[in-house]
């Protein structure tokens, strides 16, 4: 009689499959996929290490593992991504939050920490809500407006806001950047934040298949040089910023100088560039003193 497939043996077999296909975090991914299939936590896997799996459970796991071996993003398969203090739901059609974007939130919080409230923040391009909801959660006296051209992004962010009890601290709008704000509202902000598409068009085909083939192109393509959206935002932002307000950008590798020049050309001063944990110039901040 064949030995039963237990959590332990299934994890080992899945890790082997992922290793053979050059997944760099094979053990972690196997655990996350199996935890999703069994509706358990990763800790639960080890407290039930010798539990046999039913045929249905093995079938559910095989479906998830097959999707990952086809290079579908892990986050889309398991349906979530951790970001700072939040667990965010993500799904196909919405950009997956990256760890380096946590630095954008950190630098914004540092910049406004001593500023008396109430604060008003605008995020251009909300995705799954990683930046806008983190700021809403971590800043005590703030209201965050967030816009995105994608209805899917708005729907996912709204769900994440509800999950974390933040609906009363955010206003979500669908539309193209500043034009998404209510006409004639006269809204002004202490911070305009953006992590816009910044991959140069010619580089899209060279991205990893998880990104190139599955994440929304409109969240990736930054035009011929990758800085198209920064130029638009830099030109328009002064009309929406309060005196002393700031623009805070995440930028692609090698783009910090060009984006800084765009801000200077639009009248911003006190330009700051901050490196991420891989020593890449990742965050650009400029202040509007008018």
C-alpha atoms as a PDB file:
ATOM      1  CA  UNK A   1       0.000   0.000   0.000  1.00  0.00           C
ATOM      2  CA  UNK A   2       1.425   3.358  -1.005  1.00  0.00           C
ATOM      3  CA  UNK A   3       2.437   5.723   1.766  1.00  0.00           C
ATOM      4  CA  UNK A   4       0.039   8.604   2.419  1.00  0.00           C
ATOM      5  CA  UNK A   5       0.901  12.029   1.132  1.00  0.00           C
ATOM      6  CA  UNK A   6       1.384  14.178   4.214  1.00  0.00           C
ATOM      7  CA  UNK A   7       1.978  17.907   4.537  1.00  0.00           C
ATOM      8  CA  UNK A   8       5.678  17.109   5.001  1.00  0.00           C
ATOM      9  CA  UNK A   9       6.039  14.959   1.900  1.00  0.00           C
ATOM     10  CA  UNK A  10       3.948  17.290  -0.285  1.00  0.00           C
ATOM     11  CA  UNK A  11       6.063  20.275   0.778  1.00  0.00           C
ATOM     12  CA  UNK A  12       9.255  18.397  -0.020  1.00  0.00           C
ATOM     13  CA  UNK A  13       8.002  17.352  -3.472  1.00  0.00           C
ATOM     14  CA  UNK A  14       6.786  20.873  -4.284  1.00  0.00           C
ATOM     15  CA  UNK A  15      10.091  22.405  -3.239  1.00  0.00           C
ATOM     16  CA  UNK A  16      11.902  19.977  -5.533  1.00  0.00           C
ATOM     17  CA  UNK A  17       9.696  20.940  -8.498  1.00  0.00           C
ATOM     18  CA  UNK A  18      10.229  24.647  -7.868  1.00  0.00           C
ATOM     19  CA  UNK A  19      13.987  24.202  -7.382  1.00  0.00           C
ATOM     20  CA  UNK A  20      14.252  22.395 -10.723  1.00  0.00           C
ATOM     21  CA  UNK A  21      12.537  25.345 -12.388  1.00  0.00           C
ATOM     22  CA  UNK A  22      14.916  27.910 -10.880  1.00  0.00           C
ATOM     23  CA  UNK A  23      12.630  29.500  -8.290  1.00  0.00           C
ATOM     24  CA  UNK A  24      14.967  31.166  -5.835  1.00  0.00           C
ATOM     25  CA  UNK A  25      12.669  30.891  -2.774  1.00  0.00           C
ATOM     26  CA  UNK A  26      11.319  27.432  -3.471  1.00  0.00           C
ATOM     27  CA  UNK A  27      10.680  26.361   0.129  1.00  0.00           C
ATOM     28  CA  UNK A  28       8.887  29.592   1.073  1.00  0.00           C
ATOM     29  CA  UNK A  29       6.752  29.517  -2.059  1.00  0.00           C
ATOM     30  CA  UNK A  30       5.817  25.874  -1.512  1.00  0.00           C
ATOM     31  CA  UNK A  31       4.711  26.735   2.021  1.00  0.00           C
ATOM     32  CA  UNK A  32       2.633  29.716   0.916  1.00  0.00           C
ATOM     33  CA  UNK A  33       0.941  27.757  -1.856  1.00  0.00           C
ATOM     34  CA  UNK A  34       0.136  24.798   0.378  1.00  0.00           C
ATOM     35  CA  UNK A  35      -1.100  27.066   3.169  1.00  0.00           C
ATOM     36  CA  UNK A  36      -3.435  28.710   0.653  1.00  0.00           C
ATOM     37  CA  UNK A  37      -4.705  25.384  -0.659  1.00  0.00           C
ATOM     38  CA  UNK A  38      -5.399  24.073   2.856  1.00  0.00           C
ATOM     39  CA  UNK A  39      -6.600  27.444   4.257  1.00  0.00           C
ATOM     40  CA  UNK A  40      -3.983  27.267   6.978  1.00  0.00           C
ATOM     41  CA  UNK A  41      -1.204  29.554   8.156  1.00  0.00           C
ATOM     42  CA  UNK A  42       2.399  28.655   7.467  1.00  0.00           C
ATOM     43  CA  UNK A  43       2.806  27.933  11.193  1.00  0.00           C
ATOM     44  CA  UNK A  44      -0.132  25.532  11.024  1.00  0.00           C
ATOM     45  CA  UNK A  45       1.684  23.524   8.370  1.00  0.00           C
ATOM     46  CA  UNK A  46       4.363  22.628  10.901  1.00  0.00           C
ATOM     47  CA  UNK A  47       1.981  21.880  13.759  1.00  0.00           C
ATOM     48  CA  UNK A  48       0.216  19.437  11.406  1.00  0.00           C
ATOM     49  CA  UNK A  49       3.357  18.264   9.629  1.00  0.00           C
ATOM     50  CA  UNK A  50       2.432  14.576   9.528  1.00  0.00           C
ATOM     51  CA  UNK A  51      -1.255  15.037   8.623  1.00  0.00           C
ATOM     52  CA  UNK A  52      -2.256  13.124   5.484  1.00  0.00           C
ATOM     53  CA  UNK A  53      -3.867  15.136   2.702  1.00  0.00           C
ATOM     54  CA  UNK A  54      -7.122  14.120   1.085  1.00  0.00           C
ATOM     55  CA  UNK A  55      -7.345  13.722  -2.672  1.00  0.00           C
ATOM     56  CA  UNK A  56      -9.286  16.995  -2.888  1.00  0.00           C
ATOM     57  CA  UNK A  57      -6.642  18.848  -0.890  1.00  0.00           C
ATOM     58  CA  UNK A  58      -3.865  17.478  -3.061  1.00  0.00           C
ATOM     59  CA  UNK A  59      -5.829  18.420  -6.171  1.00  0.00           C
ATOM     60  CA  UNK A  60      -6.301  22.000  -4.973  1.00  0.00           C
ATOM     61  CA  UNK A  61      -2.604  22.298  -4.217  1.00  0.00           C
ATOM     62  CA  UNK A  62      -1.567  20.849  -7.592  1.00  0.00           C
ATOM     63  CA  UNK A  63      -3.693  23.501  -9.329  1.00  0.00           C
ATOM     64  CA  UNK A  64      -1.925  26.300  -7.442  1.00  0.00           C
ATOM     65  CA  UNK A  65       1.520  24.792  -7.966  1.00  0.00           C
ATOM     66  CA  UNK A  66       0.870  24.386 -11.704  1.00  0.00           C
ATOM     67  CA  UNK A  67      -0.076  28.062 -11.950  1.00  0.00           C
ATOM     68  CA  UNK A  68       3.156  29.072 -10.244  1.00  0.00           C
ATOM     69  CA  UNK A  69       5.250  26.820 -12.449  1.00  0.00           C
ATOM     70  CA  UNK A  70       3.627  28.631 -15.391  1.00  0.00           C
ATOM     71  CA  UNK A  71       5.125  31.824 -13.899  1.00  0.00           C
ATOM     72  CA  UNK A  72       1.896  33.354 -12.708  1.00  0.00           C
ATOM     73  CA  UNK A  73       2.773  35.766  -9.864  1.00  0.00           C
ATOM     74  CA  UNK A  74       2.681  34.142  -6.461  1.00  0.00           C
ATOM     75  CA  UNK A  75       0.729  37.083  -5.053  1.00  0.00           C
ATOM     76  CA  UNK A  76      -2.077  36.649  -7.587  1.00  0.00           C
ATOM     77  CA  UNK A  77      -2.268  32.926  -6.850  1.00  0.00           C
ATOM     78  CA  UNK A  78      -2.491  33.267  -3.068  1.00  0.00           C
ATOM     79  CA  UNK A  79      -4.415  36.542  -3.283  1.00  0.00           C
ATOM     80  CA  UNK A  80      -2.429  38.766  -0.964  1.00  0.00           C
ATOM     81  CA  UNK A  81       0.777  40.698  -0.364  1.00  0.00           C
ATOM     82  CA  UNK A  82       2.165  42.051   2.905  1.00  0.00           C
ATOM     83  CA  UNK A  83       3.103  45.741   2.894  1.00  0.00           C
ATOM     84  CA  UNK A  84       4.371  47.458   6.043  1.00  0.00           C
ATOM     85  CA  UNK A  85       1.617  46.896   8.644  1.00  0.00           C
ATOM     86  CA  UNK A  86      -1.037  45.786   6.170  1.00  0.00           C
ATOM     87  CA  UNK A  87      -1.999  42.527   4.511  1.00  0.00           C
ATOM     88  CA  UNK A  88      -3.396  43.585   1.136  1.00  0.00           C
ATOM     89  CA  UNK A  89      -5.632  41.648  -1.199  1.00  0.00           C
ATOM     90  CA  UNK A  90      -4.258  41.629  -4.762  1.00  0.00           C
ATOM     91  CA  UNK A  91      -5.620  40.084  -7.928  1.00  0.00           C
ATOM     92  CA  UNK A  92      -4.907  40.081 -11.676  1.00  0.00           C
ATOM     93  CA  UNK A  93      -5.309  43.522 -13.184  1.00  0.00           C
ATOM     94  CA  UNK A  94      -3.807  45.342 -10.208  1.00  0.00           C
ATOM     95  CA  UNK A  95      -0.119  46.161  -9.729  1.00  0.00           C
ATOM     96  CA  UNK A  96       1.548  44.118  -6.982  1.00  0.00           C
ATOM     97  CA  UNK A  97       3.170  46.249  -4.221  1.00  0.00           C
ATOM     98  CA  UNK A  98       6.969  46.032  -4.042  1.00  0.00           C
ATOM     99  CA  UNK A  99       9.096  46.122  -0.878  1.00  0.00           C
ATOM    100  CA  UNK A 100      11.001  49.202  -2.080  1.00  0.00           C
ATOM    101  CA  UNK A 101       7.765  51.195  -2.120  1.00  0.00           C
ATOM    102  CA  UNK A 102       7.676  50.896   1.672  1.00  0.00           C
ATOM    103  CA  UNK A 103      10.531  53.420   1.635  1.00  0.00           C
ATOM    104  CA  UNK A 104       8.278  55.943  -0.122  1.00  0.00           C
ATOM    105  CA  UNK A 105       5.797  55.707   2.749  1.00  0.00           C
ATOM    106  CA  UNK A 106       8.589  55.946   5.310  1.00  0.00           C
ATOM    107  CA  UNK A 107      10.070  59.085   3.766  1.00  0.00           C
ATOM    108  CA  UNK A 108       6.682  60.792   3.496  1.00  0.00           C
ATOM    109  CA  UNK A 109       5.958  60.087   7.155  1.00  0.00           C
ATOM    110  CA  UNK A 110       9.372  61.456   8.134  1.00  0.00           C
ATOM    111  CA  UNK A 111       8.759  64.605   6.076  1.00  0.00           C
ATOM    112  CA  UNK A 112       5.381  65.450   7.646  1.00  0.00           C
ATOM    113  CA  UNK A 113       5.916  64.100  11.154  1.00  0.00           C
ATOM    114  CA  UNK A 114       6.396  67.557  12.702  1.00  0.00           C
ATOM    115  CA  UNK A 115       3.704  69.244  10.586  1.00  0.00           C
ATOM    116  CA  UNK A 116       0.543  70.110  12.533  1.00  0.00           C
ATOM    117  CA  UNK A 117      -2.616  68.382  11.361  1.00  0.00           C
ATOM    118  CA  UNK A 118      -5.003  67.857   9.879  1.00  0.00           C
ATOM    119  CA  UNK A 119      -3.010  66.744   6.851  1.00  0.00           C
ATOM    120  CA  UNK A 120      -4.290  66.168   3.322  1.00  0.00           C
ATOM    121  CA  UNK A 121      -2.472  63.737   1.042  1.00  0.00           C
ATOM    122  CA  UNK A 122      -3.079  62.845  -2.598  1.00  0.00           C
ATOM    123  CA  UNK A 123      -1.770  59.649  -4.149  1.00  0.00           C
ATOM    124  CA  UNK A 124      -1.732  59.424  -7.939  1.00  0.00           C
ATOM    125  CA  UNK A 125      -2.058  55.783  -8.975  1.00  0.00           C
ATOM    126  CA  UNK A 126      -3.355  53.772  -6.013  1.00  0.00           C
ATOM    127  CA  UNK A 127      -2.936  50.215  -7.315  1.00  0.00           C
ATOM    128  CA  UNK A 128      -4.009  47.950  -4.450  1.00  0.00           C
ATOM    129  CA  UNK A 129      -3.854  50.815  -1.951  1.00  0.00           C
ATOM    130  CA  UNK A 130      -0.423  50.086  -0.487  1.00  0.00           C
ATOM    131  CA  UNK A 131       0.737  53.707  -0.165  1.00  0.00           C
ATOM    132  CA  UNK A 132      -2.536  55.528   0.471  1.00  0.00           C
ATOM    133  CA  UNK A 133      -3.775  53.012   3.044  1.00  0.00           C
ATOM    134  CA  UNK A 134      -0.414  52.830   4.824  1.00  0.00           C
ATOM    135  CA  UNK A 135      -0.396  56.619   5.179  1.00  0.00           C
ATOM    136  CA  UNK A 136      -3.996  56.578   6.373  1.00  0.00           C
ATOM    137  CA  UNK A 137      -3.163  53.953   8.968  1.00  0.00           C
ATOM    138  CA  UNK A 138       0.130  55.360  10.188  1.00  0.00           C
ATOM    139  CA  UNK A 139      -0.575  59.110  10.257  1.00  0.00           C
ATOM    140  CA  UNK A 140      -3.010  59.957  13.057  1.00  0.00           C
ATOM    141  CA  UNK A 141      -4.589  63.148  11.685  1.00  0.00           C
ATOM    142  CA  UNK A 142      -4.766  62.742   7.915  1.00  0.00           C
ATOM    143  CA  UNK A 143      -7.215  62.332   5.086  1.00  0.00           C
ATOM    144  CA  UNK A 144      -5.869  60.654   1.975  1.00  0.00           C
ATOM    145  CA  UNK A 145      -7.275  61.100  -1.495  1.00  0.00           C
ATOM    146  CA  UNK A 146      -6.225  58.453  -4.016  1.00  0.00           C
ATOM    147  CA  UNK A 147      -6.898  58.264  -7.743  1.00  0.00           C
ATOM    148  CA  UNK A 148      -6.357  55.665 -10.429  1.00  0.00           C
ATOM    149  CA  UNK A 149      -7.507  55.339 -14.016  1.00  0.00           C
ATOM    150  CA  UNK A 150      -8.285  51.658 -13.370  1.00  0.00           C
ATOM    151  CA  UNK A 151     -11.688  50.733 -11.954  1.00  0.00           C
ATOM    152  CA  UNK A 152     -10.188  47.406 -10.827  1.00  0.00           C
ATOM    153  CA  UNK A 153      -7.581  49.267  -8.758  1.00  0.00           C
ATOM    154  CA  UNK A 154     -10.277  51.384  -7.113  1.00  0.00           C
ATOM    155  CA  UNK A 155     -12.392  48.328  -6.315  1.00  0.00           C
ATOM    156  CA  UNK A 156      -9.479  46.401  -4.813  1.00  0.00           C
ATOM    157  CA  UNK A 157      -8.295  49.404  -2.777  1.00  0.00           C
ATOM    158  CA  UNK A 158     -11.803  50.014  -1.481  1.00  0.00           C
ATOM    159  CA  UNK A 159     -11.975  46.409  -0.324  1.00  0.00           C
ATOM    160  CA  UNK A 160      -8.605  46.689   1.385  1.00  0.00           C
ATOM    161  CA  UNK A 161      -9.671  49.942   3.058  1.00  0.00           C
ATOM    162  CA  UNK A 162     -12.801  48.242   4.389  1.00  0.00           C
ATOM    163  CA  UNK A 163     -10.816  45.247   5.653  1.00  0.00           C
ATOM    164  CA  UNK A 164      -8.513  47.518   7.666  1.00  0.00           C
ATOM    165  CA  UNK A 165     -11.188  49.935   8.886  1.00  0.00           C
ATOM    166  CA  UNK A 166      -9.829  52.891   6.914  1.00  0.00           C
ATOM    167  CA  UNK A 167     -12.785  53.898   4.744  1.00  0.00           C
ATOM    168  CA  UNK A 168     -13.395  57.046   6.781  1.00  0.00           C
ATOM    169  CA  UNK A 169      -9.805  58.242   6.195  1.00  0.00           C
ATOM    170  CA  UNK A 170      -9.653  57.827   2.412  1.00  0.00           C
ATOM    171  CA  UNK A 171     -11.504  59.162  -0.617  1.00  0.00           C
ATOM    172  CA  UNK A 172     -11.051  57.144  -3.813  1.00  0.00           C
ATOM    173  CA  UNK A 173     -11.595  58.542  -7.305  1.00  0.00           C
ATOM    174  CA  UNK A 174     -11.392  56.941 -10.729  1.00  0.00           C
ATOM    175  CA  UNK A 175      -9.767  59.000 -13.453  1.00  0.00           C
ATOM    176  CA  UNK A 176      -6.566  60.270 -15.009  1.00  0.00           C
ATOM    177  CA  UNK A 177      -4.351  61.832 -12.336  1.00  0.00           C
ATOM    178  CA  UNK A 178      -5.407  65.316 -11.183  1.00  0.00           C
ATOM    179  CA  UNK A 179      -8.417  65.380 -13.502  1.00  0.00           C
ATOM    180  CA  UNK A 180      -9.975  62.630 -11.375  1.00  0.00           C
ATOM    181  CA  UNK A 181     -10.525  65.092  -8.515  1.00  0.00           C
ATOM    182  CA  UNK A 182     -13.979  66.710  -8.265  1.00  0.00           C
ATOM    183  CA  UNK A 183     -14.209  69.649 -10.669  1.00  0.00           C
ATOM    184  CA  UNK A 184     -14.190  73.011  -8.944  1.00  0.00           C
ATOM    185  CA  UNK A 185     -13.416  71.534  -5.529  1.00  0.00           C
ATOM    186  CA  UNK A 186     -10.341  73.700  -4.985  1.00  0.00           C
ATOM    187  CA  UNK A 187      -8.680  70.832  -3.146  1.00  0.00           C
ATOM    188  CA  UNK A 188      -5.086  71.369  -2.034  1.00  0.00           C
ATOM    189  CA  UNK A 189      -2.721  68.976  -0.345  1.00  0.00           C
ATOM    190  CA  UNK A 190       0.284  68.813   1.938  1.00  0.00           C
ATOM    191  CA  UNK A 191       1.685  65.871  -0.035  1.00  0.00           C
ATOM    192  CA  UNK A 192       1.304  64.583  -3.571  1.00  0.00           C
ATOM    193  CA  UNK A 193       2.707  61.056  -3.725  1.00  0.00           C
ATOM    194  CA  UNK A 194       3.200  58.849  -6.769  1.00  0.00           C
ATOM    195  CA  UNK A 195       4.830  55.601  -7.775  1.00  0.00           C
ATOM    196  CA  UNK A 196       3.909  55.922 -11.452  1.00  0.00           C
ATOM    197  CA  UNK A 197       4.774  53.556 -14.312  1.00  0.00           C
ATOM    198  CA  UNK A 198       8.495  54.048 -14.916  1.00  0.00           C
ATOM    199  CA  UNK A 199       9.745  51.193 -17.083  1.00  0.00           C
ATOM    200  CA  UNK A 200      10.959  52.516 -20.465  1.00  0.00           C
ATOM    201  CA  UNK A 201       8.769  51.070 -23.228  1.00  0.00           C
ATOM    202  CA  UNK A 202      11.683  49.305 -24.914  1.00  0.00           C
ATOM    203  CA  UNK A 203      12.538  47.490 -21.666  1.00  0.00           C
ATOM    204  CA  UNK A 204       9.101  45.910 -21.146  1.00  0.00           C
ATOM    205  CA  UNK A 205       9.918  42.774 -23.150  1.00  0.00           C
ATOM    206  CA  UNK A 206      12.968  42.118 -20.969  1.00  0.00           C
ATOM    207  CA  UNK A 207      11.043  41.988 -17.705  1.00  0.00           C
ATOM    208  CA  UNK A 208      10.512  38.746 -15.805  1.00  0.00           C
ATOM    209  CA  UNK A 209       7.561  36.765 -17.215  1.00  0.00           C
ATOM    210  CA  UNK A 210       5.597  37.197 -13.969  1.00  0.00           C
ATOM    211  CA  UNK A 211       5.664  40.951 -14.528  1.00  0.00           C
ATOM    212  CA  UNK A 212       5.645  41.211 -18.339  1.00  0.00           C
ATOM    213  CA  UNK A 213       2.922  38.645 -18.981  1.00  0.00           C
ATOM    214  CA  UNK A 214       0.636  39.120 -15.991  1.00  0.00           C
ATOM    215  CA  UNK A 215       0.779  42.571 -14.389  1.00  0.00           C
ATOM    216  CA  UNK A 216      -1.148  45.406 -16.084  1.00  0.00           C
ATOM    217  CA  UNK A 217       0.882  47.090 -18.808  1.00  0.00           C
ATOM    218  CA  UNK A 218      -0.545  50.504 -17.904  1.00  0.00           C
ATOM    219  CA  UNK A 219       1.079  50.160 -14.473  1.00  0.00           C
ATOM    220  CA  UNK A 220       4.503  49.473 -16.012  1.00  0.00           C
ATOM    221  CA  UNK A 221       5.032  51.492 -19.191  1.00  0.00           C
ATOM    222  CA  UNK A 222       6.563  54.889 -18.471  1.00  0.00           C
ATOM    223  CA  UNK A 223       7.037  55.929 -22.085  1.00  0.00           C
ATOM    224  CA  UNK A 224      10.222  56.068 -24.195  1.00  0.00           C
ATOM    225  CA  UNK A 225      12.520  57.145 -21.323  1.00  0.00           C
ATOM    226  CA  UNK A 226      10.370  56.016 -18.412  1.00  0.00           C
ATOM    227  CA  UNK A 227       9.741  59.527 -17.033  1.00  0.00           C
ATOM    228  CA  UNK A 228       6.600  60.562 -18.935  1.00  0.00           C
ATOM    229  CA  UNK A 229       4.353  60.612 -15.870  1.00  0.00           C
ATOM    230  CA  UNK A 230       6.857  62.451 -13.674  1.00  0.00           C
ATOM    231  CA  UNK A 231       6.947  65.284 -16.191  1.00  0.00           C
ATOM    232  CA  UNK A 232       3.161  65.646 -16.158  1.00  0.00           C
ATOM    233  CA  UNK A 233       2.903  65.485 -12.377  1.00  0.00           C
ATOM    234  CA  UNK A 234       5.761  67.952 -11.806  1.00  0.00           C
ATOM    235  CA  UNK A 235       4.078  70.507 -14.073  1.00  0.00           C
ATOM    236  CA  UNK A 236       0.619  70.188 -12.544  1.00  0.00           C
ATOM    237  CA  UNK A 237       1.359  69.521  -8.875  1.00  0.00           C
ATOM    238  CA  UNK A 238       2.154  73.131  -7.813  1.00  0.00           C
ATOM    239  CA  UNK A 239      -1.476  74.059  -8.455  1.00  0.00           C
ATOM    240  CA  UNK A 240      -2.612  71.432  -5.940  1.00  0.00           C
ATOM    241  CA  UNK A 241      -0.032  71.917  -3.187  1.00  0.00           C
ATOM    242  CA  UNK A 242      -0.287  74.051  -0.100  1.00  0.00           C
ATOM    243  CA  UNK A 243       2.647  76.357   0.777  1.00  0.00           C
ATOM    244  CA  UNK A 244       5.490  74.145   1.942  1.00  0.00           C
ATOM    245  CA  UNK A 245       3.820  71.091   0.439  1.00  0.00           C
ATOM    246  CA  UNK A 246       5.860  68.357  -1.171  1.00  0.00           C
ATOM    247  CA  UNK A 247       5.891  65.926  -4.038  1.00  0.00           C
ATOM    248  CA  UNK A 248       7.267  62.473  -3.226  1.00  0.00           C
ATOM    249  CA  UNK A 249       8.118  60.032  -6.019  1.00  0.00           C
ATOM    250  CA  UNK A 250       9.374  56.505  -6.275  1.00  0.00           C
ATOM    251  CA  UNK A 251      11.613  56.297  -9.360  1.00  0.00           C
ATOM    252  CA  UNK A 252      13.277  53.610 -11.414  1.00  0.00           C
ATOM    253  CA  UNK A 253      16.975  52.823 -11.299  1.00  0.00           C
ATOM    254  CA  UNK A 254      19.001  55.606 -12.920  1.00  0.00           C
ATOM    255  CA  UNK A 255      16.052  58.030 -13.104  1.00  0.00           C
ATOM    256  CA  UNK A 256      16.577  60.127  -9.955  1.00  0.00           C
ATOM    257  CA  UNK A 257      18.657  62.793 -11.715  1.00  0.00           C
ATOM    258  CA  UNK A 258      16.200  63.284 -14.563  1.00  0.00           C
ATOM    259  CA  UNK A 259      13.214  63.425 -12.191  1.00  0.00           C
ATOM    260  CA  UNK A 260      15.003  65.904  -9.916  1.00  0.00           C
ATOM    261  CA  UNK A 261      15.628  68.128 -12.928  1.00  0.00           C
ATOM    262  CA  UNK A 262      11.931  67.973 -13.834  1.00  0.00           C
ATOM    263  CA  UNK A 263      10.994  69.116 -10.331  1.00  0.00           C
ATOM    264  CA  UNK A 264      13.526  71.939 -10.395  1.00  0.00           C
ATOM    265  CA  UNK A 265      12.205  73.062 -13.766  1.00  0.00           C
ATOM    266  CA  UNK A 266       8.681  73.170 -12.319  1.00  0.00           C
ATOM    267  CA  UNK A 267       9.771  75.443  -9.473  1.00  0.00           C
ATOM    268  CA  UNK A 268      10.330  72.925  -6.708  1.00  0.00           C
ATOM    269  CA  UNK A 269      13.211  73.401  -4.288  1.00  0.00           C
ATOM    270  CA  UNK A 270      15.016  71.495  -1.539  1.00  0.00           C
ATOM    271  CA  UNK A 271      15.199  68.410  -3.753  1.00  0.00           C
ATOM    272  CA  UNK A 272      16.085  65.254  -1.802  1.00  0.00           C
ATOM    273  CA  UNK A 273      17.157  61.887  -3.178  1.00  0.00           C
ATOM    274  CA  UNK A 274      17.037  58.822  -0.952  1.00  0.00           C
ATOM    275  CA  UNK A 275      18.572  55.431  -1.662  1.00  0.00           C
ATOM    276  CA  UNK A 276      16.831  52.116  -1.041  1.00  0.00           C
ATOM    277  CA  UNK A 277      18.334  49.166   0.785  1.00  0.00           C
ATOM    278  CA  UNK A 278      20.100  48.032  -2.397  1.00  0.00           C
ATOM    279  CA  UNK A 279      21.886  51.413  -2.636  1.00  0.00           C
ATOM    280  CA  UNK A 280      19.714  52.485  -5.593  1.00  0.00           C
ATOM    281  CA  UNK A 281      18.463  56.074  -5.741  1.00  0.00           C
ATOM    282  CA  UNK A 282      14.783  55.299  -5.306  1.00  0.00           C
ATOM    283  CA  UNK A 283      12.905  58.233  -3.725  1.00  0.00           C
ATOM    284  CA  UNK A 284      12.854  61.858  -4.953  1.00  0.00           C
ATOM    285  CA  UNK A 285      11.184  64.585  -2.886  1.00  0.00           C
ATOM    286  CA  UNK A 286      10.720  68.254  -3.799  1.00  0.00           C
ATOM    287  CA  UNK A 287       9.056  71.067  -1.868  1.00  0.00           C
ATOM    288  CA  UNK A 288       6.767  73.780  -3.175  1.00  0.00           C
ATOM    289  CA  UNK A 289       7.440  77.013  -1.248  1.00  0.00           C
ATOM    290  CA  UNK A 290       4.887  79.253  -3.009  1.00  0.00           C
END
